Amino acid sequence: MSQAQDWEQRHAALELQVEQLRAEIDRVDDWANGLFVVLCDLLPPLLKAQPEIAASLAPRWKDVAARFDAAAAQTGQADDYEPLEQLEARKKLYRIAEQLGAWP
């Protein structure tokens, strides 16, 4: 096998692996988006029915939303111990509940 054929074979194998990884990422992303929709559906009625949960979560998630906004505006990175994407999920849920009047 020539060097060019070897390179083409390796390139084709890599392209297949990349395609498989992209498909897996899409599946995981769709699953995560579905889970987020479930949380958006559950959160407002839960917070209204359980005001003690709302009172506990509201200040913590408000702080997370502020941390996310500050990090995104400054460096685009969160603290070393928590990825920006984890902050973003709680920020979005906080803002959705806020818009729906679910916080005390």
PDB file of N, CA and C in Angstrom:
ATOM      1  N   MET A   1       0.856  -1.169   0.000  1.00  0.00           N
ATOM      2  CA  MET A   1       0.000   0.000   0.000  1.00  0.00           C
ATOM      3  C   MET A   1       0.905   1.235   0.000  1.00  0.00           C
ATOM      4  N   SER A   2       0.558   2.161  -0.877  1.00  0.00           N
ATOM      5  CA  SER A   2       1.374   3.374  -0.962  1.00  0.00           C
ATOM      6  C   SER A   2       1.053   4.302   0.202  1.00  0.00           C
ATOM      7  N   GLN A   3       1.897   5.283   0.369  1.00  0.00           N
ATOM      8  CA  GLN A   3       1.707   6.260   1.449  1.00  0.00           C
ATOM      9  C   GLN A   3       0.424   7.058   1.214  1.00  0.00           C
ATOM     10  N   ALA A   4       0.129   7.389  -0.013  1.00  0.00           N
ATOM     11  CA  ALA A   4      -1.093   8.139  -0.338  1.00  0.00           C
ATOM     12  C   ALA A   4      -2.332   7.310  -0.023  1.00  0.00           C
ATOM     13  N   GLN A   5      -2.292   6.017  -0.364  1.00  0.00           N
ATOM     14  CA  GLN A   5      -3.430   5.141  -0.072  1.00  0.00           C
ATOM     15  C   GLN A   5      -3.614   4.983   1.436  1.00  0.00           C
ATOM     16  N   ASP A   6      -2.518   4.857   2.143  1.00  0.00           N
ATOM     17  CA  ASP A   6      -2.571   4.753   3.604  1.00  0.00           C
ATOM     18  C   ASP A   6      -3.183   6.015   4.196  1.00  0.00           C
ATOM     19  N   TRP A   7      -2.761   7.164   3.705  1.00  0.00           N
ATOM     20  CA  TRP A   7      -3.299   8.430   4.198  1.00  0.00           C
ATOM     21  C   TRP A   7      -4.792   8.522   3.910  1.00  0.00           C
ATOM     22  N   GLU A   8      -5.209   8.141   2.686  1.00  0.00           N
ATOM     23  CA  GLU A   8      -6.622   8.189   2.317  1.00  0.00           C
ATOM     24  C   GLU A   8      -7.453   7.261   3.198  1.00  0.00           C
ATOM     25  N   GLN A   9      -6.919   6.095   3.495  1.00  0.00           N
ATOM     26  CA  GLN A   9      -7.617   5.148   4.345  1.00  0.00           C
ATOM     27  C   GLN A   9      -7.771   5.698   5.769  1.00  0.00           C
ATOM     28  N   ARG A  10      -6.713   6.263   6.272  1.00  0.00           N
ATOM     29  CA  ARG A  10      -6.775   6.857   7.627  1.00  0.00           C
ATOM     30  C   ARG A  10      -7.727   8.054   7.651  1.00  0.00           C
ATOM     31  N   HIS A  11      -7.678   8.854   6.607  1.00  0.00           N
ATOM     32  CA  HIS A  11      -8.545  10.030   6.518  1.00  0.00           C
ATOM     33  C   HIS A  11     -10.016   9.591   6.494  1.00  0.00           C
ATOM     34  N   ALA A  12     -10.336   8.568   5.710  1.00  0.00           N
ATOM     35  CA  ALA A  12     -11.707   8.064   5.629  1.00  0.00           C
ATOM     36  C   ALA A  12     -12.158   7.523   6.986  1.00  0.00           C
ATOM     37  N   ALA A  13     -11.268   6.814   7.679  1.00  0.00           N
ATOM     38  CA  ALA A  13     -11.607   6.282   8.994  1.00  0.00           C
ATOM     39  C   ALA A  13     -11.872   7.412   9.986  1.00  0.00           C
ATOM     40  N   LEU A  14     -11.057   8.450   9.929  1.00  0.00           N
ATOM     41  CA  LEU A  14     -11.260   9.603  10.816  1.00  0.00           C
ATOM     42  C   LEU A  14     -12.566  10.319  10.499  1.00  0.00           C
ATOM     43  N   GLU A  15     -12.870  10.482   9.232  1.00  0.00           N
ATOM     44  CA  GLU A  15     -14.131  11.135   8.845  1.00  0.00           C
ATOM     45  C   GLU A  15     -15.330  10.353   9.373  1.00  0.00           C
ATOM     46  N   LEU A  16     -15.265   9.022   9.296  1.00  0.00           N
ATOM     47  CA  LEU A  16     -16.341   8.189   9.814  1.00  0.00           C
ATOM     48  C   LEU A  16     -16.474   8.357  11.328  1.00  0.00           C
ATOM     49  N   GLN A  17     -15.358   8.377  12.030  1.00  0.00           N
ATOM     50  CA  GLN A  17     -15.403   8.568  13.482  1.00  0.00           C
ATOM     51  C   GLN A  17     -15.965   9.933  13.838  1.00  0.00           C
ATOM     52  N   VAL A  18     -15.579  10.954  13.108  1.00  0.00           N
ATOM     53  CA  VAL A  18     -16.097  12.299  13.362  1.00  0.00           C
ATOM     54  C   VAL A  18     -17.607  12.335  13.118  1.00  0.00           C
ATOM     55  N   GLU A  19     -18.046  11.710  12.054  1.00  0.00           N
ATOM     56  CA  GLU A  19     -19.473  11.659  11.743  1.00  0.00           C
ATOM     57  C   GLU A  19     -20.244  10.944  12.856  1.00  0.00           C
ATOM     58  N   GLN A  20     -19.706   9.849  13.352  1.00  0.00           N
ATOM     59  CA  GLN A  20     -20.353   9.106  14.445  1.00  0.00           C
ATOM     60  C   GLN A  20     -20.386   9.942  15.722  1.00  0.00           C
ATOM     61  N   LEU A  21     -19.309  10.640  16.010  1.00  0.00           N
ATOM     62  CA  LEU A  21     -19.270  11.489  17.207  1.00  0.00           C
ATOM     63  C   LEU A  21     -20.260  12.642  17.096  1.00  0.00           C
ATOM     64  N   ARG A  22     -20.356  13.233  15.931  1.00  0.00           N
ATOM     65  CA  ARG A  22     -21.338  14.326  15.738  1.00  0.00           C
ATOM     66  C   ARG A  22     -22.755  13.823  15.945  1.00  0.00           C
ATOM     67  N   ALA A  23     -23.052  12.635  15.430  1.00  0.00           N
ATOM     68  CA  ALA A  23     -24.386  12.055  15.615  1.00  0.00           C
ATOM     69  C   ALA A  23     -24.661  11.803  17.096  1.00  0.00           C
ATOM     70  N   GLU A  24     -23.674  11.307  17.817  1.00  0.00           N
ATOM     71  CA  GLU A  24     -23.835  11.070  19.251  1.00  0.00           C
ATOM     72  C   GLU A  24     -24.026  12.389  20.003  1.00  0.00           C
ATOM     73  N   ILE A  25     -23.268  13.400  19.635  1.00  0.00           N
ATOM     74  CA  ILE A  25     -23.427  14.717  20.264  1.00  0.00           C
ATOM     75  C   ILE A  25     -24.824  15.254  20.010  1.00  0.00           C
ATOM     76  N   ASP A  26     -25.323  15.095  18.795  1.00  0.00           N
ATOM     77  CA  ASP A  26     -26.683  15.550  18.481  1.00  0.00           C
ATOM     78  C   ASP A  26     -27.716  14.815  19.322  1.00  0.00           C
ATOM     79  N   ARG A  27     -27.552  13.494  19.489  1.00  0.00           N
ATOM     80  CA  ARG A  27     -28.492  12.725  20.312  1.00  0.00           C
ATOM     81  C   ARG A  27     -28.457  13.190  21.766  1.00  0.00           C
ATOM     82  N   VAL A  28     -27.278  13.393  22.301  1.00  0.00           N
ATOM     83  CA  VAL A  28     -27.152  13.835  23.693  1.00  0.00           C
ATOM     84  C   VAL A  28     -27.709  15.253  23.845  1.00  0.00           C
ATOM     85  N   ASP A  29     -27.455  16.103  22.869  1.00  0.00           N
ATOM     86  CA  ASP A  29     -27.978  17.469  22.909  1.00  0.00           C
ATOM     87  C   ASP A  29     -29.510  17.466  22.866  1.00  0.00           C
ATOM     88  N   ASP A  30     -30.086  16.634  22.011  1.00  0.00           N
ATOM     89  CA  ASP A  30     -31.548  16.529  21.948  1.00  0.00           C
ATOM     90  C   ASP A  30     -32.108  16.031  23.275  1.00  0.00           C
ATOM     91  N   TRP A  31     -31.448  15.042  23.873  1.00  0.00           N
ATOM     92  CA  TRP A  31     -31.898  14.515  25.155  1.00  0.00           C
ATOM     93  C   TRP A  31     -31.836  15.603  26.224  1.00  0.00           C
ATOM     94  N   ALA A  32     -30.722  16.334  26.274  1.00  0.00           N
ATOM     95  CA  ALA A  32     -30.572  17.399  27.269  1.00  0.00           C
ATOM     96  C   ALA A  32     -31.619  18.488  27.060  1.00  0.00           C
ATOM     97  N   ASN A  33     -31.896  18.832  25.805  1.00  0.00           N
ATOM     98  CA  ASN A  33     -32.931  19.829  25.526  1.00  0.00           C
ATOM     99  C   ASN A  33     -34.298  19.338  25.976  1.00  0.00           C
ATOM    100  N   GLY A  34     -34.565  18.056  25.769  1.00  0.00           N
ATOM    101  CA  GLY A  34     -35.832  17.490  26.242  1.00  0.00           C
ATOM    102  C   GLY A  34     -35.940  17.540  27.752  1.00  0.00           C
ATOM    103  N   LEU A  35     -34.859  17.245  28.428  1.00  0.00           N
ATOM    104  CA  LEU A  35     -34.840  17.321  29.886  1.00  0.00           C
ATOM    105  C   LEU A  35     -35.070  18.756  30.364  1.00  0.00           C
ATOM    106  N   PHE A  36     -34.486  19.713  29.667  1.00  0.00           N
ATOM    107  CA  PHE A  36     -34.683  21.116  30.029  1.00  0.00           C
ATOM    108  C   PHE A  36     -36.154  21.510  29.861  1.00  0.00           C
ATOM    109  N   VAL A  37     -36.797  21.019  28.801  1.00  0.00           N
ATOM    110  CA  VAL A  37     -38.220  21.305  28.587  1.00  0.00           C
ATOM    111  C   VAL A  37     -39.053  20.725  29.731  1.00  0.00           C
ATOM    112  N   VAL A  38     -38.704  19.524  30.173  1.00  0.00           N
ATOM    113  CA  VAL A  38     -39.412  18.916  31.299  1.00  0.00           C
ATOM    114  C   VAL A  38     -39.268  19.808  32.539  1.00  0.00           C
ATOM    115  N   LEU A  39     -38.063  20.277  32.806  1.00  0.00           N
ATOM    116  CA  LEU A  39     -37.850  21.155  33.958  1.00  0.00           C
ATOM    117  C   LEU A  39     -38.648  22.448  33.828  1.00  0.00           C
ATOM    118  N   CYS A  40     -38.689  22.998  32.627  1.00  0.00           N
ATOM    119  CA  CYS A  40     -39.463  24.229  32.407  1.00  0.00           C
ATOM    120  C   CYS A  40     -40.949  23.991  32.630  1.00  0.00           C
ATOM    121  N   ASP A  41     -41.423  22.803  32.278  1.00  0.00           N
ATOM    122  CA  ASP A  41     -42.827  22.473  32.506  1.00  0.00           C
ATOM    123  C   ASP A  41     -43.130  22.256  33.989  1.00  0.00           C
ATOM    124  N   LEU A  42     -42.209  21.642  34.703  1.00  0.00           N
ATOM    125  CA  LEU A  42     -42.441  21.300  36.106  1.00  0.00           C
ATOM    126  C   LEU A  42     -42.175  22.438  37.087  1.00  0.00           C
ATOM    127  N   LEU A  43     -41.188  23.252  36.779  1.00  0.00           N
ATOM    128  CA  LEU A  43     -40.724  24.238  37.756  1.00  0.00           C
ATOM    129  C   LEU A  43     -41.797  25.232  38.206  1.00  0.00           C
ATOM    130  N   PRO A  44     -42.487  25.930  37.315  1.00  0.00           N
ATOM    131  CA  PRO A  44     -43.461  26.922  37.805  1.00  0.00           C
ATOM    132  C   PRO A  44     -44.555  26.351  38.706  1.00  0.00           C
ATOM    133  N   PRO A  45     -45.229  25.251  38.314  1.00  0.00           N
ATOM    134  CA  PRO A  45     -46.251  24.746  39.249  1.00  0.00           C
ATOM    135  C   PRO A  45     -45.661  24.222  40.550  1.00  0.00           C
ATOM    136  N   LEU A  46     -44.481  23.642  40.476  1.00  0.00           N
ATOM    137  CA  LEU A  46     -43.831  23.155  41.690  1.00  0.00           C
ATOM    138  C   LEU A  46     -43.514  24.308  42.640  1.00  0.00           C
ATOM    139  N   LEU A  47     -42.960  25.380  42.094  1.00  0.00           N
ATOM    140  CA  LEU A  47     -42.604  26.525  42.944  1.00  0.00           C
ATOM    141  C   LEU A  47     -43.828  27.197  43.541  1.00  0.00           C
ATOM    142  N   LYS A  48     -44.904  27.255  42.774  1.00  0.00           N
ATOM    143  CA  LYS A  48     -46.135  27.866  43.301  1.00  0.00           C
ATOM    144  C   LYS A  48     -46.778  26.984  44.369  1.00  0.00           C
ATOM    145  N   ALA A  49     -46.700  25.669  44.183  1.00  0.00           N
ATOM    146  CA  ALA A  49     -47.295  24.746  45.156  1.00  0.00           C
ATOM    147  C   ALA A  49     -46.437  24.574  46.399  1.00  0.00           C
ATOM    148  N   GLN A  50     -45.142  24.791  46.252  1.00  0.00           N
ATOM    149  CA  GLN A  50     -44.207  24.609  47.364  1.00  0.00           C
ATOM    150  C   GLN A  50     -43.400  25.900  47.571  1.00  0.00           C
ATOM    151  N   PRO A  51     -43.983  26.908  48.200  1.00  0.00           N
ATOM    152  CA  PRO A  51     -43.296  28.189  48.345  1.00  0.00           C
ATOM    153  C   PRO A  51     -41.981  28.106  49.115  1.00  0.00           C
ATOM    154  N   GLU A  52     -41.845  27.097  49.992  1.00  0.00           N
ATOM    155  CA  GLU A  52     -40.580  26.975  50.719  1.00  0.00           C
ATOM    156  C   GLU A  52     -39.447  26.574  49.778  1.00  0.00           C
ATOM    157  N   ILE A  53     -39.768  25.783  48.757  1.00  0.00           N
ATOM    158  CA  ILE A  53     -38.754  25.440  47.752  1.00  0.00           C
ATOM    159  C   ILE A  53     -38.387  26.688  46.957  1.00  0.00           C
ATOM    160  N   ALA A  54     -39.382  27.439  46.568  1.00  0.00           N
ATOM    161  CA  ALA A  54     -39.135  28.676  45.824  1.00  0.00           C
ATOM    162  C   ALA A  54     -38.283  29.641  46.648  1.00  0.00           C
ATOM    163  N   ALA A  55     -38.610  29.762  47.939  1.00  0.00           N
ATOM    164  CA  ALA A  55     -37.860  30.675  48.806  1.00  0.00           C
ATOM    165  C   ALA A  55     -36.408  30.230  48.965  1.00  0.00           C
ATOM    166  N   SER A  56     -36.177  28.931  48.900  1.00  0.00           N
ATOM    167  CA  SER A  56     -34.815  28.416  49.015  1.00  0.00           C
ATOM    168  C   SER A  56     -34.036  28.577  47.713  1.00  0.00           C
ATOM    169  N   LEU A  57     -34.672  28.283  46.598  1.00  0.00           N
ATOM    170  CA  LEU A  57     -33.981  28.327  45.309  1.00  0.00           C
ATOM    171  C   LEU A  57     -33.775  29.736  44.762  1.00  0.00           C
ATOM    172  N   ALA A  58     -34.751  30.607  44.969  1.00  0.00           N
ATOM    173  CA  ALA A  58     -34.706  31.932  44.333  1.00  0.00           C
ATOM    174  C   ALA A  58     -33.408  32.690  44.596  1.00  0.00           C
ATOM    175  N   PRO A  59     -32.970  32.846  45.835  1.00  0.00           N
ATOM    176  CA  PRO A  59     -31.735  33.622  46.041  1.00  0.00           C
ATOM    177  C   PRO A  59     -30.494  32.932  45.483  1.00  0.00           C
ATOM    178  N   ARG A  60     -30.459  31.602  45.564  1.00  0.00           N
ATOM    179  CA  ARG A  60     -29.288  30.885  45.039  1.00  0.00           C
ATOM    180  C   ARG A  60     -29.229  30.974  43.523  1.00  0.00           C
ATOM    181  N   TRP A  61     -30.369  30.779  42.854  1.00  0.00           N
ATOM    182  CA  TRP A  61     -30.382  30.831  41.398  1.00  0.00           C
ATOM    183  C   TRP A  61     -30.240  32.263  40.890  1.00  0.00           C
ATOM    184  N   LYS A  62     -30.698  33.226  41.668  1.00  0.00           N
ATOM    185  CA  LYS A  62     -30.490  34.632  41.287  1.00  0.00           C
ATOM    186  C   LYS A  62     -28.995  34.939  41.294  1.00  0.00           C
ATOM    187  N   ASP A  63     -28.296  34.439  42.315  1.00  0.00           N
ATOM    188  CA  ASP A  63     -26.837  34.613  42.391  1.00  0.00           C
ATOM    189  C   ASP A  63     -26.148  33.923  41.220  1.00  0.00           C
ATOM    190  N   VAL A  64     -26.602  32.727  40.880  1.00  0.00           N
ATOM    191  CA  VAL A  64     -26.026  31.998  39.744  1.00  0.00           C
ATOM    192  C   VAL A  64     -26.240  32.780  38.455  1.00  0.00           C
ATOM    193  N   ALA A  65     -27.433  33.346  38.270  1.00  0.00           N
ATOM    194  CA  ALA A  65     -27.721  34.131  37.067  1.00  0.00           C
ATOM    195  C   ALA A  65     -26.781  35.339  36.977  1.00  0.00           C
ATOM    196  N   ALA A  66     -26.549  35.991  38.101  1.00  0.00           N
ATOM    197  CA  ALA A  66     -25.632  37.137  38.119  1.00  0.00           C
ATOM    198  C   ALA A  66     -24.197  36.695  37.831  1.00  0.00           C
ATOM    199  N   ARG A  67     -23.783  35.569  38.408  1.00  0.00           N
ATOM    200  CA  ARG A  67     -22.432  35.041  38.138  1.00  0.00           C
ATOM    201  C   ARG A  67     -22.269  34.682  36.666  1.00  0.00           C
ATOM    202  N   PHE A  68     -23.304  34.081  36.090  1.00  0.00           N
ATOM    203  CA  PHE A  68     -23.234  33.727  34.669  1.00  0.00           C
ATOM    204  C   PHE A  68     -23.093  34.987  33.827  1.00  0.00           C
ATOM    205  N   ASP A  69     -23.946  35.965  34.081  1.00  0.00           N
ATOM    206  CA  ASP A  69     -23.904  37.199  33.290  1.00  0.00           C
ATOM    207  C   ASP A  69     -22.546  37.880  33.401  1.00  0.00           C
ATOM    208  N   ALA A  70     -22.000  37.937  34.602  1.00  0.00           N
ATOM    209  CA  ALA A  70     -20.697  38.574  34.802  1.00  0.00           C
ATOM    210  C   ALA A  70     -19.597  37.807  34.084  1.00  0.00           C
ATOM    211  N   ALA A  71     -19.603  36.495  34.221  1.00  0.00           N
ATOM    212  CA  ALA A  71     -18.563  35.676  33.577  1.00  0.00           C
ATOM    213  C   ALA A  71     -18.674  35.744  32.065  1.00  0.00           C
ATOM    214  N   ALA A  72     -19.884  35.687  31.546  1.00  0.00           N
ATOM    215  CA  ALA A  72     -20.072  35.730  30.098  1.00  0.00           C
ATOM    216  C   ALA A  72     -19.646  37.083  29.525  1.00  0.00           C
ATOM    217  N   ALA A  73     -19.892  38.150  30.277  1.00  0.00           N
ATOM    218  CA  ALA A  73     -19.529  39.487  29.808  1.00  0.00           C
ATOM    219  C   ALA A  73     -18.033  39.751  29.897  1.00  0.00           C
ATOM    220  N   GLN A  74     -17.366  39.149  30.875  1.00  0.00           N
ATOM    221  CA  GLN A  74     -15.953  39.444  31.099  1.00  0.00           C
ATOM    222  C   GLN A  74     -15.034  38.489  30.357  1.00  0.00           C
ATOM    223  N   THR A  75     -15.035  37.235  30.754  1.00  0.00           N
ATOM    224  CA  THR A  75     -14.052  36.294  30.211  1.00  0.00           C
ATOM    225  C   THR A  75     -14.670  35.192  29.375  1.00  0.00           C
ATOM    226  N   GLY A  76     -15.980  35.001  29.498  1.00  0.00           N
ATOM    227  CA  GLY A  76     -16.613  33.888  28.823  1.00  0.00           C
ATOM    228  C   GLY A  76     -16.384  32.569  29.523  1.00  0.00           C
ATOM    229  N   GLN A  77     -15.768  32.616  30.722  1.00  0.00           N
ATOM    230  CA  GLN A  77     -15.508  31.408  31.497  1.00  0.00           C
ATOM    231  C   GLN A  77     -16.005  31.608  32.926  1.00  0.00           C
ATOM    232  N   ALA A  78     -16.520  30.536  33.485  1.00  0.00           N
ATOM    233  CA  ALA A  78     -16.970  30.586  34.874  1.00  0.00           C
ATOM    234  C   ALA A  78     -15.817  30.209  35.784  1.00  0.00           C
ATOM    235  N   ASP A  79     -16.145  30.015  37.044  1.00  0.00           N
ATOM    236  CA  ASP A  79     -15.146  29.582  38.012  1.00  0.00           C
ATOM    237  C   ASP A  79     -14.558  28.240  37.588  1.00  0.00           C
ATOM    238  N   ASP A  80     -13.395  27.936  38.123  1.00  0.00           N
ATOM    239  CA  ASP A  80     -12.735  26.673  37.792  1.00  0.00           C
ATOM    240  C   ASP A  80     -13.572  25.460  38.185  1.00  0.00           C
ATOM    241  N   TYR A  81     -14.362  25.595  39.230  1.00  0.00           N
ATOM    242  CA  TYR A  81     -15.079  24.437  39.755  1.00  0.00           C
ATOM    243  C   TYR A  81     -16.435  24.200  39.099  1.00  0.00           C
ATOM    244  N   GLU A  82     -16.902  25.134  38.280  1.00  0.00           N
ATOM    245  CA  GLU A  82     -18.224  24.969  37.687  1.00  0.00           C
ATOM    246  C   GLU A  82     -18.232  25.523  36.261  1.00  0.00           C
ATOM    247  N   PRO A  83     -18.513  24.666  35.283  1.00  0.00           N
ATOM    248  CA  PRO A  83     -18.542  25.148  33.893  1.00  0.00           C
ATOM    249  C   PRO A  83     -19.640  26.171  33.663  1.00  0.00           C
ATOM    250  N   LEU A  84     -19.389  27.079  32.765  1.00  0.00           N
ATOM    251  CA  LEU A  84     -20.346  28.137  32.431  1.00  0.00           C
ATOM    252  C   LEU A  84     -21.690  27.539  32.000  1.00  0.00           C
ATOM    253  N   GLU A  85     -21.655  26.401  31.311  1.00  0.00           N
ATOM    254  CA  GLU A  85     -22.892  25.771  30.848  1.00  0.00           C
ATOM    255  C   GLU A  85     -23.780  25.327  32.006  1.00  0.00           C
ATOM    256  N   GLN A  86     -23.176  24.915  33.113  1.00  0.00           N
ATOM    257  CA  GLN A  86     -23.985  24.540  34.271  1.00  0.00           C
ATOM    258  C   GLN A  86     -24.630  25.762  34.904  1.00  0.00           C
ATOM    259  N   LEU A  87     -23.912  26.859  34.923  1.00  0.00           N
ATOM    260  CA  LEU A  87     -24.498  28.102  35.421  1.00  0.00           C
ATOM    261  C   LEU A  87     -25.631  28.551  34.501  1.00  0.00           C
ATOM    262  N   GLU A  88     -25.414  28.406  33.205  1.00  0.00           N
ATOM    263  CA  GLU A  88     -26.396  28.882  32.230  1.00  0.00           C
ATOM    264  C   GLU A  88     -27.741  28.169  32.382  1.00  0.00           C
ATOM    265  N   ALA A  89     -27.714  26.875  32.639  1.00  0.00           N
ATOM    266  CA  ALA A  89     -28.965  26.132  32.787  1.00  0.00           C
ATOM    267  C   ALA A  89     -29.791  26.692  33.953  1.00  0.00           C
ATOM    268  N   ARG A  90     -29.149  26.912  35.094  1.00  0.00           N
ATOM    269  CA  ARG A  90     -29.876  27.471  36.245  1.00  0.00           C
ATOM    270  C   ARG A  90     -30.286  28.913  35.997  1.00  0.00           C
ATOM    271  N   LYS A  91     -29.450  29.679  35.302  1.00  0.00           N
ATOM    272  CA  LYS A  91     -29.809  31.057  34.969  1.00  0.00           C
ATOM    273  C   LYS A  91     -31.077  31.078  34.124  1.00  0.00           C
ATOM    274  N   LYS A  92     -31.136  30.211  33.126  1.00  0.00           N
ATOM    275  CA  LYS A  92     -32.318  30.171  32.262  1.00  0.00           C
ATOM    276  C   LYS A  92     -33.560  29.765  33.039  1.00  0.00           C
ATOM    277  N   LEU A  93     -33.431  28.734  33.884  1.00  0.00           N
ATOM    278  CA  LEU A  93     -34.578  28.323  34.685  1.00  0.00           C
ATOM    279  C   LEU A  93     -35.014  29.426  35.646  1.00  0.00           C
ATOM    280  N   TYR A  94     -34.041  30.127  36.224  1.00  0.00           N
ATOM    281  CA  TYR A  94     -34.376  31.241  37.123  1.00  0.00           C
ATOM    282  C   TYR A  94     -35.161  32.316  36.372  1.00  0.00           C
ATOM    283  N   ARG A  95     -34.679  32.688  35.199  1.00  0.00           N
ATOM    284  CA  ARG A  95     -35.324  33.759  34.425  1.00  0.00           C
ATOM    285  C   ARG A  95     -36.708  33.333  33.922  1.00  0.00           C
ATOM    286  N   ILE A  96     -36.858  32.075  33.540  1.00  0.00           N
ATOM    287  CA  ILE A  96     -38.171  31.587  33.103  1.00  0.00           C
ATOM    288  C   ILE A  96     -39.159  31.649  34.268  1.00  0.00           C
ATOM    289  N   ALA A  97     -38.743  31.157  35.427  1.00  0.00           N
ATOM    290  CA  ALA A  97     -39.624  31.198  36.600  1.00  0.00           C
ATOM    291  C   ALA A  97     -39.928  32.643  36.994  1.00  0.00           C
ATOM    292  N   GLU A  98     -38.937  33.514  36.841  1.00  0.00           N
ATOM    293  CA  GLU A  98     -39.137  34.939  37.156  1.00  0.00           C
ATOM    294  C   GLU A  98     -40.189  35.543  36.228  1.00  0.00           C
ATOM    295  N   GLN A  99     -40.100  35.252  34.936  1.00  0.00           N
ATOM    296  CA  GLN A  99     -41.062  35.792  33.977  1.00  0.00           C
ATOM    297  C   GLN A  99     -42.463  35.262  34.219  1.00  0.00           C
ATOM    298  N   LEU A 100     -42.545  34.040  34.717  1.00  0.00           N
ATOM    299  CA  LEU A 100     -43.850  33.444  34.978  1.00  0.00           C
ATOM    300  C   LEU A 100     -44.388  33.782  36.378  1.00  0.00           C
ATOM    301  N   GLY A 101     -43.638  34.565  37.127  1.00  0.00           N
ATOM    302  CA  GLY A 101     -44.066  34.984  38.460  1.00  0.00           C
ATOM    303  C   GLY A 101     -44.060  33.859  39.482  1.00  0.00           C
ATOM    304  N   ALA A 102     -43.167  32.900  39.314  1.00  0.00           N
ATOM    305  CA  ALA A 102     -43.131  31.748  40.222  1.00  0.00           C
ATOM    306  C   ALA A 102     -42.287  31.988  41.478  1.00  0.00           C
ATOM    307  N   TRP A 103     -41.505  33.036  41.504  1.00  0.00           N
ATOM    308  CA  TRP A 103     -40.677  33.316  42.685  1.00  0.00           C
ATOM    309  C   TRP A 103     -41.464  34.144  43.689  1.00  0.00           C
ATOM    310  N   PRO A 104     -41.146  33.971  44.980  1.00  0.00           N
ATOM    311  CA  PRO A 104     -41.859  34.758  46.000  1.00  0.00           C
ATOM    312  C   PRO A 104     -41.512  36.239  45.920  1.00  0.00           C
TER     313      PRO A 104
END
